[in-house]
Structures are given as C-alpha cells and as structure tokens.
C-alpha cells in the first residue's frame, strides 16, 4: 500500500478507494475516481508494482470467491450506481483493491457488503514500520506522496506533469515542492553554472 502511495502519488483515501477496475496494466496507469475535490485523474503505475498488485488482485479474488460461496460477494457502491448497475456489486472488477477484513451493512441501501480497509489500518501499519525502522522524523502516509512529487522534480520532471499526477488544481500548490528541493526557479541553472 505504501509503495502505491509513493509510486503513484496517491493520497491515503485515494489508495483505499481503489477498485480492481481502476488498475490498467497495459497503459501503466491508475485511475483515481473522485479524489480530493471530487476530481477524477489518472496517474502512473510503476512497472515495479505490477507483480505485487497482481498478487493483491488474486488475494481479493479468493476473498470474493469465498464471499460468493457464502451467498455474499457484494461490494460497497454508491446508491445510485448500485441501482443503475445491479450486477456490478457482485463483479470482481468492482471489488476494492484493499478490502476490509469483514463484511458490514451498507449504510444507505442495507445490503451486506465488503467495504475497503479503514484508514486506521494503514496508519497502524505505518506506525509499526516506523518504530521497527528506527526513523525519528515525523512520518505520515502523506509523506510518501510528498516524496513522490519531490523525487519527480529532482529527476527533472516538468512541474505541469507533476501537477497533473498529483491532482492539484493550482500550480502554486505544486510549486511548494520546488522550494522544498531548493529549486526556486524550477531547476533552471544560471548561465554562470553552465
């Protein structure tokens, strides 16, 4: 999960809301549906994550098959979507990439379904990893997203591309990262330094 946050530049909530259908191995992209501000966007899917994500999809498939065998198999969908596409709630592609460990009752429609992992599970896992690593800096899940942006800019990525990948409305939000890496003028070198 943290590799995806770092490798794709995702927010914690965006990661947890990913469904299997949002992963496109062929175009090497991840579709973020209704990210911050209700905006959709596509971001990159690193080659190095393909196998781990395929393994995760197989784990979800096994959970889904078990749920179907027990008479369940529904996933949590927005009410309007569940009514419009009644078969979608039982299809594998609509299952969350990181499903909850248990089923619950849908808060609006009342059917029993499997939602995504709760954000606290991600936070707890990170806390344990940080403690084991001995890192003393303050680290949150969002730190990985910041690192994604910073590393792209360090490697010479265009700031507009980084803005798109992060889903920022305003370029000024993305420009904060240029100050973090000490490139106040988008990496432009002085003629004297050339």
N, C-alpha and C. Protein backbone atom coordinates (compact mmCIF):
# COMPACT_ATOMS: atom_id res chain seq x y z
N UNK A 1 0.82 -1.19 0.00
CA UNK A 1 0.00 0.00 0.00
C UNK A 1 0.87 1.26 0.00
N UNK A 2 1.93 1.25 0.79
CA UNK A 2 2.79 2.42 0.85
C UNK A 2 3.60 2.57 -0.43
N UNK A 3 3.92 1.45 -1.06
CA UNK A 3 4.60 1.52 -2.35
C UNK A 3 3.70 2.19 -3.39
N UNK A 4 2.42 1.95 -3.30
CA UNK A 4 1.49 2.59 -4.24
C UNK A 4 1.34 4.08 -3.94
N UNK A 5 1.29 4.44 -2.67
CA UNK A 5 1.18 5.86 -2.32
C UNK A 5 2.41 6.59 -2.86
N UNK A 6 3.59 6.00 -2.64
CA UNK A 6 4.83 6.62 -3.09
C UNK A 6 4.99 6.54 -4.62
N UNK A 7 4.74 5.38 -5.19
CA UNK A 7 4.97 5.18 -6.61
C UNK A 7 3.94 5.81 -7.53
N UNK A 8 2.75 6.06 -7.00
CA UNK A 8 1.66 6.63 -7.82
C UNK A 8 1.29 8.04 -7.39
N UNK A 9 1.80 8.49 -6.25
CA UNK A 9 1.48 9.83 -5.76
C UNK A 9 0.07 9.95 -5.23
N UNK A 10 -0.42 8.88 -4.61
CA UNK A 10 -1.80 8.85 -4.13
C UNK A 10 -1.95 9.42 -2.73
N UNK A 11 -3.11 9.94 -2.46
CA UNK A 11 -3.50 10.28 -1.09
C UNK A 11 -3.97 8.99 -0.43
N UNK A 12 -3.96 8.97 0.90
CA UNK A 12 -4.38 7.79 1.65
C UNK A 12 -5.80 7.36 1.25
N UNK A 13 -6.74 8.28 1.23
CA UNK A 13 -8.13 7.95 0.90
C UNK A 13 -8.25 7.45 -0.55
N UNK A 14 -7.45 8.02 -1.45
CA UNK A 14 -7.49 7.59 -2.85
C UNK A 14 -7.02 6.15 -2.98
N UNK A 15 -5.98 5.80 -2.25
CA UNK A 15 -5.47 4.43 -2.26
C UNK A 15 -6.55 3.46 -1.79
N UNK A 16 -7.15 3.78 -0.66
CA UNK A 16 -8.12 2.87 -0.06
C UNK A 16 -9.37 2.71 -0.91
N UNK A 17 -9.72 3.72 -1.70
CA UNK A 17 -10.93 3.65 -2.53
C UNK A 17 -10.68 3.02 -3.91
N UNK A 18 -9.45 2.61 -4.19
CA UNK A 18 -9.16 1.99 -5.49
C UNK A 18 -9.91 0.67 -5.63
N UNK A 19 -10.45 0.47 -6.81
CA UNK A 19 -11.10 -0.79 -7.15
C UNK A 19 -10.24 -1.51 -8.20
N UNK A 20 -10.43 -2.78 -8.34
CA UNK A 20 -9.63 -3.55 -9.30
C UNK A 20 -9.71 -2.94 -10.69
N UNK A 21 -10.87 -2.47 -11.09
CA UNK A 21 -11.06 -1.89 -12.43
C UNK A 21 -10.24 -0.61 -12.64
N UNK A 22 -9.76 -0.01 -11.56
CA UNK A 22 -9.01 1.24 -11.66
C UNK A 22 -7.54 1.03 -12.02
N UNK A 23 -7.11 -0.21 -12.04
CA UNK A 23 -5.72 -0.53 -12.37
C UNK A 23 -5.66 -0.95 -13.83
N UNK A 24 -4.83 -0.28 -14.62
CA UNK A 24 -4.67 -0.60 -16.03
C UNK A 24 -3.20 -0.93 -16.29
N UNK A 25 -2.91 -2.23 -16.31
CA UNK A 25 -1.53 -2.67 -16.50
C UNK A 25 -1.03 -2.34 -17.90
N UNK A 26 -1.91 -2.39 -18.89
CA UNK A 26 -1.50 -2.15 -20.28
C UNK A 26 -1.03 -0.71 -20.48
N UNK A 27 -1.80 0.24 -19.96
CA UNK A 27 -1.40 1.65 -20.13
C UNK A 27 -0.55 2.14 -18.96
N UNK A 28 -0.27 1.24 -18.01
CA UNK A 28 0.56 1.55 -16.84
C UNK A 28 0.02 2.77 -16.09
N UNK A 29 -1.30 2.71 -15.82
CA UNK A 29 -1.93 3.83 -15.13
C UNK A 29 -2.90 3.37 -14.06
N UNK A 30 -3.16 4.28 -13.15
CA UNK A 30 -4.13 4.09 -12.08
C UNK A 30 -5.15 5.21 -12.21
N UNK A 31 -6.42 4.83 -12.26
CA UNK A 31 -7.48 5.83 -12.36
C UNK A 31 -7.97 6.17 -10.96
N UNK A 32 -7.94 7.42 -10.61
CA UNK A 32 -8.41 7.89 -9.31
C UNK A 32 -9.78 8.52 -9.53
N UNK A 33 -10.79 7.88 -8.97
CA UNK A 33 -12.17 8.34 -9.11
C UNK A 33 -12.56 9.18 -7.92
N UNK A 34 -12.99 10.39 -8.19
CA UNK A 34 -13.41 11.32 -7.16
C UNK A 34 -12.36 11.48 -6.05
N UNK A 35 -11.20 11.93 -6.46
CA UNK A 35 -10.15 12.25 -5.50
C UNK A 35 -10.54 13.52 -4.74
N UNK A 36 -9.57 14.15 -4.14
CA UNK A 36 -9.84 15.37 -3.39
C UNK A 36 -10.53 16.40 -4.29
N UNK A 37 -11.58 17.00 -3.78
CA UNK A 37 -12.34 17.97 -4.56
C UNK A 37 -13.29 17.32 -5.55
N UNK A 38 -13.46 16.00 -5.44
CA UNK A 38 -14.37 15.28 -6.33
C UNK A 38 -13.86 15.13 -7.75
N UNK A 39 -12.54 15.34 -7.95
CA UNK A 39 -11.96 15.28 -9.29
C UNK A 39 -11.44 13.88 -9.61
N UNK A 40 -11.59 13.51 -10.88
CA UNK A 40 -11.02 12.26 -11.39
C UNK A 40 -9.67 12.59 -12.03
N UNK A 41 -8.77 11.61 -11.99
CA UNK A 41 -7.49 11.79 -12.68
C UNK A 41 -6.85 10.42 -12.90
N UNK A 42 -5.87 10.41 -13.76
CA UNK A 42 -5.06 9.21 -13.96
C UNK A 42 -3.65 9.54 -13.51
N UNK A 43 -3.01 8.56 -12.92
CA UNK A 43 -1.62 8.72 -12.52
C UNK A 43 -0.85 7.49 -12.99
N UNK A 44 0.44 7.53 -12.81
CA UNK A 44 1.29 6.46 -13.32
C UNK A 44 1.23 5.21 -12.42
N UNK A 45 1.45 4.06 -13.05
CA UNK A 45 1.57 2.79 -12.35
C UNK A 45 2.98 2.27 -12.61
N UNK A 46 3.84 2.31 -11.59
CA UNK A 46 5.23 1.87 -11.79
C UNK A 46 5.32 0.39 -12.19
N UNK A 47 6.21 0.09 -13.12
CA UNK A 47 6.44 -1.30 -13.55
C UNK A 47 6.76 -2.20 -12.35
N UNK A 48 7.51 -1.68 -11.41
CA UNK A 48 7.96 -2.49 -10.27
C UNK A 48 6.81 -2.92 -9.36
N UNK A 49 5.63 -2.34 -9.53
CA UNK A 49 4.49 -2.72 -8.69
C UNK A 49 3.55 -3.72 -9.37
N UNK A 50 3.76 -4.00 -10.64
CA UNK A 50 2.84 -4.87 -11.37
C UNK A 50 2.63 -6.22 -10.67
N UNK A 51 3.69 -6.89 -10.32
CA UNK A 51 3.55 -8.23 -9.72
C UNK A 51 2.87 -8.16 -8.35
N UNK A 52 3.25 -7.19 -7.54
CA UNK A 52 2.64 -7.07 -6.21
C UNK A 52 1.14 -6.77 -6.32
N UNK A 53 0.76 -5.94 -7.28
CA UNK A 53 -0.66 -5.61 -7.45
C UNK A 53 -1.41 -6.82 -8.02
N UNK A 54 -0.79 -7.53 -8.94
CA UNK A 54 -1.43 -8.75 -9.46
C UNK A 54 -1.63 -9.78 -8.34
N UNK A 55 -0.65 -9.89 -7.46
CA UNK A 55 -0.80 -10.78 -6.30
C UNK A 55 -1.94 -10.32 -5.40
N UNK A 56 -2.04 -9.01 -5.19
CA UNK A 56 -3.12 -8.46 -4.37
C UNK A 56 -4.48 -8.73 -5.00
N UNK A 57 -4.56 -8.61 -6.31
CA UNK A 57 -5.82 -8.90 -7.01
C UNK A 57 -6.21 -10.36 -6.83
N UNK A 58 -5.23 -11.25 -6.84
CA UNK A 58 -5.52 -12.67 -6.61
C UNK A 58 -6.02 -12.91 -5.18
N UNK A 59 -5.48 -12.18 -4.22
CA UNK A 59 -5.99 -12.28 -2.84
C UNK A 59 -7.43 -11.80 -2.76
N UNK A 60 -7.72 -10.71 -3.47
CA UNK A 60 -9.09 -10.18 -3.49
C UNK A 60 -10.01 -11.19 -4.18
N UNK A 61 -9.53 -11.80 -5.25
CA UNK A 61 -10.32 -12.81 -5.96
C UNK A 61 -10.70 -13.96 -5.02
N UNK A 62 -9.74 -14.41 -4.21
CA UNK A 62 -10.00 -15.50 -3.27
C UNK A 62 -11.04 -15.09 -2.23
N UNK A 63 -10.91 -13.89 -1.70
CA UNK A 63 -11.89 -13.38 -0.72
C UNK A 63 -13.27 -13.28 -1.38
N UNK A 64 -13.29 -12.77 -2.60
CA UNK A 64 -14.55 -12.60 -3.33
C UNK A 64 -15.21 -13.95 -3.61
N UNK A 65 -14.42 -14.93 -4.02
CA UNK A 65 -14.95 -16.27 -4.29
C UNK A 65 -15.56 -16.87 -3.01
N UNK A 66 -14.88 -16.68 -1.90
CA UNK A 66 -15.38 -17.17 -0.60
C UNK A 66 -16.69 -16.47 -0.25
N UNK A 67 -16.73 -15.15 -0.44
CA UNK A 67 -17.96 -14.39 -0.17
C UNK A 67 -19.11 -14.87 -1.04
N UNK A 68 -18.83 -15.12 -2.33
CA UNK A 68 -19.87 -15.61 -3.24
C UNK A 68 -20.38 -16.98 -2.80
N UNK A 69 -19.45 -17.85 -2.40
CA UNK A 69 -19.83 -19.19 -1.95
C UNK A 69 -20.71 -19.15 -0.70
N UNK A 70 -20.52 -18.11 0.09
CA UNK A 70 -21.31 -17.96 1.32
C UNK A 70 -22.59 -17.16 1.08
N UNK A 71 -22.89 -16.86 -0.19
CA UNK A 71 -24.10 -16.14 -0.53
C UNK A 71 -23.94 -14.63 -0.53
N UNK A 72 -22.72 -14.15 -0.40
CA UNK A 72 -22.45 -12.71 -0.40
C UNK A 72 -21.78 -12.30 -1.69
N UNK A 73 -20.69 -11.57 -1.57
CA UNK A 73 -19.91 -11.16 -2.73
C UNK A 73 -20.17 -9.74 -3.17
N UNK A 74 -21.06 -9.04 -2.48
CA UNK A 74 -21.33 -7.66 -2.86
C UNK A 74 -20.24 -6.75 -2.34
N UNK A 75 -19.99 -5.70 -3.10
CA UNK A 75 -19.08 -4.66 -2.67
C UNK A 75 -19.89 -3.41 -2.37
N UNK A 76 -19.32 -2.51 -1.65
CA UNK A 76 -19.99 -1.26 -1.32
C UNK A 76 -19.92 -0.32 -2.53
N UNK A 77 -21.07 0.07 -3.03
CA UNK A 77 -21.15 1.00 -4.15
C UNK A 77 -22.02 2.19 -3.76
N UNK A 78 -21.79 3.34 -4.39
CA UNK A 78 -22.71 4.46 -4.17
C UNK A 78 -24.12 4.03 -4.56
N UNK A 79 -25.12 4.50 -3.82
CA UNK A 79 -26.51 4.06 -4.01
C UNK A 79 -27.00 4.13 -5.44
N UNK A 80 -26.79 5.24 -6.08
CA UNK A 80 -27.26 5.40 -7.46
C UNK A 80 -26.63 4.40 -8.40
N UNK A 81 -25.37 4.12 -8.19
CA UNK A 81 -24.64 3.20 -9.06
C UNK A 81 -25.14 1.77 -8.85
N UNK A 82 -25.40 1.40 -7.61
CA UNK A 82 -25.89 0.06 -7.30
C UNK A 82 -27.25 -0.17 -7.94
N UNK A 83 -28.08 0.85 -8.00
CA UNK A 83 -29.40 0.72 -8.63
C UNK A 83 -29.28 0.70 -10.16
N UNK A 84 -28.37 1.50 -10.69
CA UNK A 84 -28.19 1.59 -12.14
C UNK A 84 -27.56 0.32 -12.71
N UNK A 85 -26.58 -0.22 -11.99
CA UNK A 85 -25.87 -1.43 -12.42
C UNK A 85 -25.96 -2.49 -11.31
N UNK A 86 -27.12 -3.14 -11.17
CA UNK A 86 -27.31 -4.07 -10.06
C UNK A 86 -26.34 -5.26 -10.06
N UNK A 87 -25.81 -5.62 -11.22
CA UNK A 87 -24.88 -6.75 -11.28
C UNK A 87 -23.45 -6.34 -10.88
N UNK A 88 -23.18 -5.06 -10.95
CA UNK A 88 -21.83 -4.58 -10.65
C UNK A 88 -21.41 -4.89 -9.22
N UNK A 89 -22.34 -4.89 -8.29
CA UNK A 89 -21.97 -5.08 -6.89
C UNK A 89 -21.38 -6.46 -6.61
N UNK A 90 -21.56 -7.42 -7.55
CA UNK A 90 -21.03 -8.77 -7.35
C UNK A 90 -19.89 -9.10 -8.30
N UNK A 91 -19.48 -8.15 -9.13
CA UNK A 91 -18.41 -8.41 -10.08
C UNK A 91 -17.05 -8.14 -9.44
N UNK A 92 -16.08 -8.98 -9.79
CA UNK A 92 -14.73 -8.85 -9.24
C UNK A 92 -14.13 -7.48 -9.53
N UNK A 93 -14.32 -6.96 -10.74
CA UNK A 93 -13.67 -5.70 -11.11
C UNK A 93 -14.11 -4.53 -10.22
N UNK A 94 -15.28 -4.62 -9.60
CA UNK A 94 -15.78 -3.55 -8.74
C UNK A 94 -15.33 -3.72 -7.28
N UNK A 95 -14.68 -4.83 -6.97
CA UNK A 95 -14.21 -5.05 -5.60
C UNK A 95 -13.06 -4.09 -5.30
N UNK A 96 -12.97 -3.69 -4.04
CA UNK A 96 -11.86 -2.83 -3.62
C UNK A 96 -10.55 -3.58 -3.72
N UNK A 97 -9.49 -2.88 -4.10
CA UNK A 97 -8.16 -3.48 -4.18
C UNK A 97 -7.65 -3.86 -2.80
N UNK A 98 -8.05 -3.08 -1.79
CA UNK A 98 -7.68 -3.37 -0.41
C UNK A 98 -8.95 -3.49 0.42
N UNK A 99 -9.59 -4.68 0.36
CA UNK A 99 -10.88 -4.85 1.02
C UNK A 99 -10.77 -4.99 2.54
N UNK A 100 -11.86 -4.65 3.17
CA UNK A 100 -11.97 -4.81 4.62
C UNK A 100 -11.88 -6.28 4.98
N UNK A 101 -11.51 -6.55 6.20
CA UNK A 101 -11.39 -7.94 6.65
C UNK A 101 -12.76 -8.55 6.98
N UNK A 102 -13.79 -7.72 7.06
CA UNK A 102 -15.13 -8.24 7.36
C UNK A 102 -16.18 -7.52 6.54
N UNK A 103 -17.34 -8.13 6.46
CA UNK A 103 -18.46 -7.52 5.75
C UNK A 103 -19.29 -6.70 6.72
N UNK A 104 -20.02 -5.74 6.17
CA UNK A 104 -20.87 -4.89 7.00
C UNK A 104 -22.13 -4.53 6.21
N UNK A 105 -23.06 -3.89 6.88
CA UNK A 105 -24.29 -3.48 6.22
C UNK A 105 -24.07 -2.13 5.53
N UNK A 106 -24.50 -2.04 4.27
CA UNK A 106 -24.38 -0.79 3.53
C UNK A 106 -25.19 0.27 4.26
N UNK A 107 -24.61 1.44 4.53
CA UNK A 107 -25.29 2.45 5.34
C UNK A 107 -26.56 3.05 4.72
N UNK A 108 -26.68 2.99 3.40
CA UNK A 108 -27.86 3.57 2.75
C UNK A 108 -28.81 2.49 2.24
N UNK A 109 -28.27 1.53 1.52
CA UNK A 109 -29.11 0.53 0.85
C UNK A 109 -29.40 -0.71 1.70
N UNK A 110 -28.64 -0.93 2.76
CA UNK A 110 -28.93 -2.01 3.69
C UNK A 110 -28.42 -3.39 3.35
N UNK A 111 -27.86 -3.61 2.15
CA UNK A 111 -27.33 -4.94 1.83
C UNK A 111 -25.98 -5.15 2.53
N UNK A 112 -25.60 -6.41 2.75
CA UNK A 112 -24.32 -6.71 3.38
C UNK A 112 -23.25 -6.76 2.30
N UNK A 113 -22.15 -6.08 2.55
CA UNK A 113 -21.12 -5.93 1.55
C UNK A 113 -19.74 -5.85 2.21
N UNK A 114 -18.76 -5.87 1.35
CA UNK A 114 -17.38 -5.71 1.83
C UNK A 114 -16.90 -4.33 1.38
N UNK A 115 -16.55 -3.51 2.33
CA UNK A 115 -16.07 -2.16 2.06
C UNK A 115 -14.54 -2.22 1.92
N UNK A 116 -13.88 -1.09 1.81
CA UNK A 116 -12.42 -1.08 1.76
C UNK A 116 -11.86 -1.03 3.19
N UNK A 117 -10.58 -1.27 3.31
CA UNK A 117 -9.91 -1.16 4.60
C UNK A 117 -10.15 0.22 5.19
N UNK A 118 -10.21 0.28 6.49
CA UNK A 118 -10.36 1.57 7.16
C UNK A 118 -8.99 2.24 7.21
N UNK A 119 -8.98 3.56 7.14
CA UNK A 119 -7.73 4.31 7.11
C UNK A 119 -6.88 4.06 8.35
N UNK A 120 -7.50 3.70 9.48
CA UNK A 120 -6.72 3.45 10.69
C UNK A 120 -5.82 2.23 10.54
N UNK A 121 -6.22 1.25 9.72
CA UNK A 121 -5.38 0.07 9.50
C UNK A 121 -4.07 0.48 8.82
N UNK A 122 -4.17 1.40 7.89
CA UNK A 122 -2.99 1.91 7.19
C UNK A 122 -2.09 2.68 8.16
N UNK A 123 -2.70 3.51 8.98
CA UNK A 123 -1.95 4.31 9.95
C UNK A 123 -1.24 3.43 10.97
N UNK A 124 -1.91 2.39 11.45
CA UNK A 124 -1.30 1.47 12.41
C UNK A 124 -0.12 0.73 11.80
N UNK A 125 -0.28 0.27 10.57
CA UNK A 125 0.81 -0.43 9.89
C UNK A 125 2.02 0.47 9.72
N UNK A 126 1.78 1.73 9.39
CA UNK A 126 2.88 2.68 9.23
C UNK A 126 3.58 2.93 10.56
N UNK A 127 2.81 3.09 11.61
CA UNK A 127 3.38 3.33 12.93
C UNK A 127 4.31 2.18 13.35
N UNK A 128 3.88 0.94 13.09
CA UNK A 128 4.70 -0.23 13.42
C UNK A 128 5.98 -0.24 12.59
N UNK A 129 5.86 0.05 11.30
CA UNK A 129 7.04 0.05 10.42
C UNK A 129 8.04 1.13 10.81
N UNK A 130 7.54 2.29 11.17
CA UNK A 130 8.44 3.39 11.58
C UNK A 130 9.17 3.03 12.86
N UNK A 131 8.45 2.44 13.79
CA UNK A 131 9.07 2.04 15.06
C UNK A 131 10.17 1.01 14.81
N UNK A 132 9.89 0.02 13.94
CA UNK A 132 10.88 -1.02 13.62
C UNK A 132 12.10 -0.43 12.92
N UNK A 133 11.88 0.57 12.06
CA UNK A 133 12.97 1.13 11.26
C UNK A 133 13.89 2.04 12.07
N UNK A 134 13.38 2.58 13.17
CA UNK A 134 14.18 3.49 13.97
C UNK A 134 14.20 4.92 13.43
N UNK A 135 13.38 5.21 12.43
CA UNK A 135 13.30 6.56 11.88
C UNK A 135 12.75 7.49 12.96
N UNK A 136 13.40 8.62 13.15
CA UNK A 136 12.97 9.53 14.21
C UNK A 136 12.18 10.73 13.69
N UNK A 137 12.18 10.92 12.38
CA UNK A 137 11.41 12.02 11.79
C UNK A 137 9.92 11.70 11.86
N UNK A 138 9.11 12.77 11.82
CA UNK A 138 7.66 12.61 11.77
C UNK A 138 7.27 12.12 10.38
N UNK A 139 6.65 10.95 10.31
CA UNK A 139 6.27 10.36 9.02
C UNK A 139 4.79 10.01 9.06
N UNK A 140 4.08 10.40 8.01
CA UNK A 140 2.69 10.01 7.83
C UNK A 140 2.55 9.39 6.45
N UNK A 141 1.39 8.87 6.15
CA UNK A 141 1.16 8.32 4.81
C UNK A 141 1.36 9.40 3.74
N UNK A 142 1.03 10.63 4.08
CA UNK A 142 1.16 11.72 3.13
C UNK A 142 2.63 12.04 2.82
N UNK A 143 3.54 11.66 3.72
CA UNK A 143 4.97 11.85 3.49
C UNK A 143 5.40 11.15 2.20
N UNK A 144 4.80 9.99 1.93
CA UNK A 144 5.16 9.24 0.72
C UNK A 144 4.70 9.98 -0.53
N UNK A 145 3.56 10.63 -0.46
CA UNK A 145 3.07 11.44 -1.59
C UNK A 145 3.99 12.63 -1.83
N UNK A 146 4.41 13.27 -0.73
CA UNK A 146 5.35 14.39 -0.86
C UNK A 146 6.66 13.92 -1.50
N UNK A 147 7.11 12.75 -1.09
CA UNK A 147 8.36 12.21 -1.64
C UNK A 147 8.21 11.91 -3.14
N UNK A 148 7.05 11.43 -3.54
CA UNK A 148 6.76 11.18 -4.96
C UNK A 148 6.98 12.46 -5.76
N UNK A 149 6.37 13.54 -5.31
CA UNK A 149 6.48 14.82 -6.02
C UNK A 149 7.90 15.34 -6.01
N UNK A 150 8.53 15.29 -4.86
CA UNK A 150 9.89 15.80 -4.72
C UNK A 150 10.85 15.03 -5.62
N UNK A 151 10.75 13.71 -5.63
CA UNK A 151 11.66 12.91 -6.44
C UNK A 151 11.43 13.12 -7.94
N UNK A 152 10.18 13.31 -8.34
CA UNK A 152 9.92 13.60 -9.76
C UNK A 152 10.58 14.91 -10.16
N UNK A 153 10.47 15.92 -9.32
CA UNK A 153 11.08 17.22 -9.63
C UNK A 153 12.60 17.12 -9.60
N UNK A 154 13.15 16.36 -8.65
CA UNK A 154 14.61 16.16 -8.61
C UNK A 154 15.10 15.54 -9.92
N UNK A 155 14.30 14.63 -10.48
CA UNK A 155 14.75 13.93 -11.69
C UNK A 155 14.45 14.73 -12.96
N UNK A 156 13.95 15.96 -12.80
CA UNK A 156 13.76 16.83 -13.95
C UNK A 156 12.37 16.80 -14.58
N UNK A 157 11.39 16.20 -13.90
CA UNK A 157 10.03 16.16 -14.45
C UNK A 157 9.46 17.58 -14.54
N UNK A 158 8.68 17.80 -15.57
CA UNK A 158 8.03 19.08 -15.78
C UNK A 158 7.01 19.32 -14.66
N UNK A 159 6.97 20.53 -14.12
CA UNK A 159 6.10 20.84 -13.00
C UNK A 159 4.62 20.67 -13.34
N UNK A 160 4.25 20.92 -14.58
CA UNK A 160 2.85 20.73 -15.01
C UNK A 160 2.48 19.24 -14.98
N UNK A 161 3.40 18.39 -15.36
CA UNK A 161 3.15 16.95 -15.30
C UNK A 161 2.96 16.51 -13.86
N UNK A 162 3.82 16.99 -12.98
CA UNK A 162 3.71 16.66 -11.56
C UNK A 162 2.37 17.16 -11.02
N UNK A 163 1.98 18.35 -11.42
CA UNK A 163 0.69 18.91 -11.01
C UNK A 163 -0.45 17.98 -11.41
N UNK A 164 -0.43 17.50 -12.65
CA UNK A 164 -1.47 16.58 -13.14
C UNK A 164 -1.48 15.28 -12.37
N UNK A 165 -0.30 14.71 -12.16
CA UNK A 165 -0.21 13.43 -11.46
C UNK A 165 -0.71 13.53 -10.02
N UNK A 166 -0.46 14.66 -9.39
CA UNK A 166 -0.91 14.86 -8.01
C UNK A 166 -2.37 15.28 -7.91
N UNK A 167 -2.92 15.78 -9.01
CA UNK A 167 -4.30 16.23 -8.99
C UNK A 167 -4.49 17.59 -8.36
N UNK A 168 -3.47 18.44 -8.43
CA UNK A 168 -3.57 19.79 -7.88
C UNK A 168 -4.31 20.69 -8.86
N UNK A 169 -5.24 21.48 -8.34
CA UNK A 169 -5.94 22.48 -9.17
C UNK A 169 -5.01 23.62 -9.52
N UNK A 170 -4.28 24.06 -8.52
CA UNK A 170 -3.49 25.27 -8.63
C UNK A 170 -2.01 24.93 -8.70
N UNK A 171 -1.33 25.45 -9.70
CA UNK A 171 0.10 25.20 -9.86
C UNK A 171 0.89 25.66 -8.63
N UNK A 172 0.40 26.68 -7.94
CA UNK A 172 1.10 27.19 -6.75
C UNK A 172 1.23 26.10 -5.68
N UNK A 173 0.25 25.21 -5.60
CA UNK A 173 0.34 24.11 -4.64
C UNK A 173 1.50 23.20 -4.99
N UNK A 174 1.65 22.91 -6.26
CA UNK A 174 2.75 22.04 -6.71
C UNK A 174 4.10 22.75 -6.57
N UNK A 175 4.12 24.05 -6.77
CA UNK A 175 5.38 24.81 -6.70
C UNK A 175 6.01 24.77 -5.31
N UNK A 176 5.23 24.45 -4.31
CA UNK A 176 5.78 24.31 -2.96
C UNK A 176 6.93 23.30 -2.96
N UNK A 177 6.80 22.26 -3.77
CA UNK A 177 7.83 21.22 -3.82
C UNK A 177 9.14 21.73 -4.40
N UNK A 178 9.09 22.73 -5.28
CA UNK A 178 10.33 23.28 -5.82
C UNK A 178 11.10 24.00 -4.72
N UNK A 179 10.39 24.58 -3.77
CA UNK A 179 11.06 25.24 -2.65
C UNK A 179 11.66 24.21 -1.70
N UNK A 180 10.97 23.09 -1.54
CA UNK A 180 11.46 22.03 -0.66
C UNK A 180 12.80 21.49 -1.15
N UNK A 181 12.95 21.37 -2.48
CA UNK A 181 14.19 20.81 -3.01
C UNK A 181 15.21 21.89 -3.36
N UNK A 182 14.88 23.12 -3.06
CA UNK A 182 15.84 24.21 -3.27
C UNK A 182 15.95 24.67 -4.70
N UNK A 183 14.95 24.37 -5.50
CA UNK A 183 14.97 24.82 -6.89
C UNK A 183 13.86 25.85 -7.07
N UNK A 184 14.12 27.02 -6.62
CA UNK A 184 13.10 28.07 -6.62
C UNK A 184 12.71 28.54 -8.01
N UNK A 185 13.48 28.17 -9.00
CA UNK A 185 13.17 28.59 -10.36
C UNK A 185 13.03 27.37 -11.25
N UNK A 186 12.32 26.35 -10.74
CA UNK A 186 12.03 25.12 -11.48
C UNK A 186 13.27 24.45 -12.05
N UNK A 187 14.36 24.49 -11.32
CA UNK A 187 15.57 23.79 -11.73
C UNK A 187 16.40 24.48 -12.78
N UNK A 188 16.04 25.68 -13.14
CA UNK A 188 16.79 26.42 -14.14
C UNK A 188 18.16 26.79 -13.57
N UNK A 189 19.20 26.53 -14.36
CA UNK A 189 20.56 26.85 -13.90
C UNK A 189 20.99 28.21 -14.43
N UNK A 190 21.75 28.86 -13.64
CA UNK A 190 22.34 30.13 -14.05
C UNK A 190 23.34 29.87 -15.18
N UNK A 191 23.46 30.76 -16.14
CA UNK A 191 24.45 30.59 -17.21
C UNK A 191 25.87 30.46 -16.62
N UNK A 192 26.12 31.08 -15.50
CA UNK A 192 27.42 31.01 -14.87
C UNK A 192 27.74 29.57 -14.42
N UNK A 193 26.70 28.83 -13.97
CA UNK A 193 26.89 27.45 -13.51
C UNK A 193 27.05 26.46 -14.65
N UNK A 194 26.71 26.87 -15.85
CA UNK A 194 26.88 26.01 -17.01
C UNK A 194 28.28 26.11 -17.50
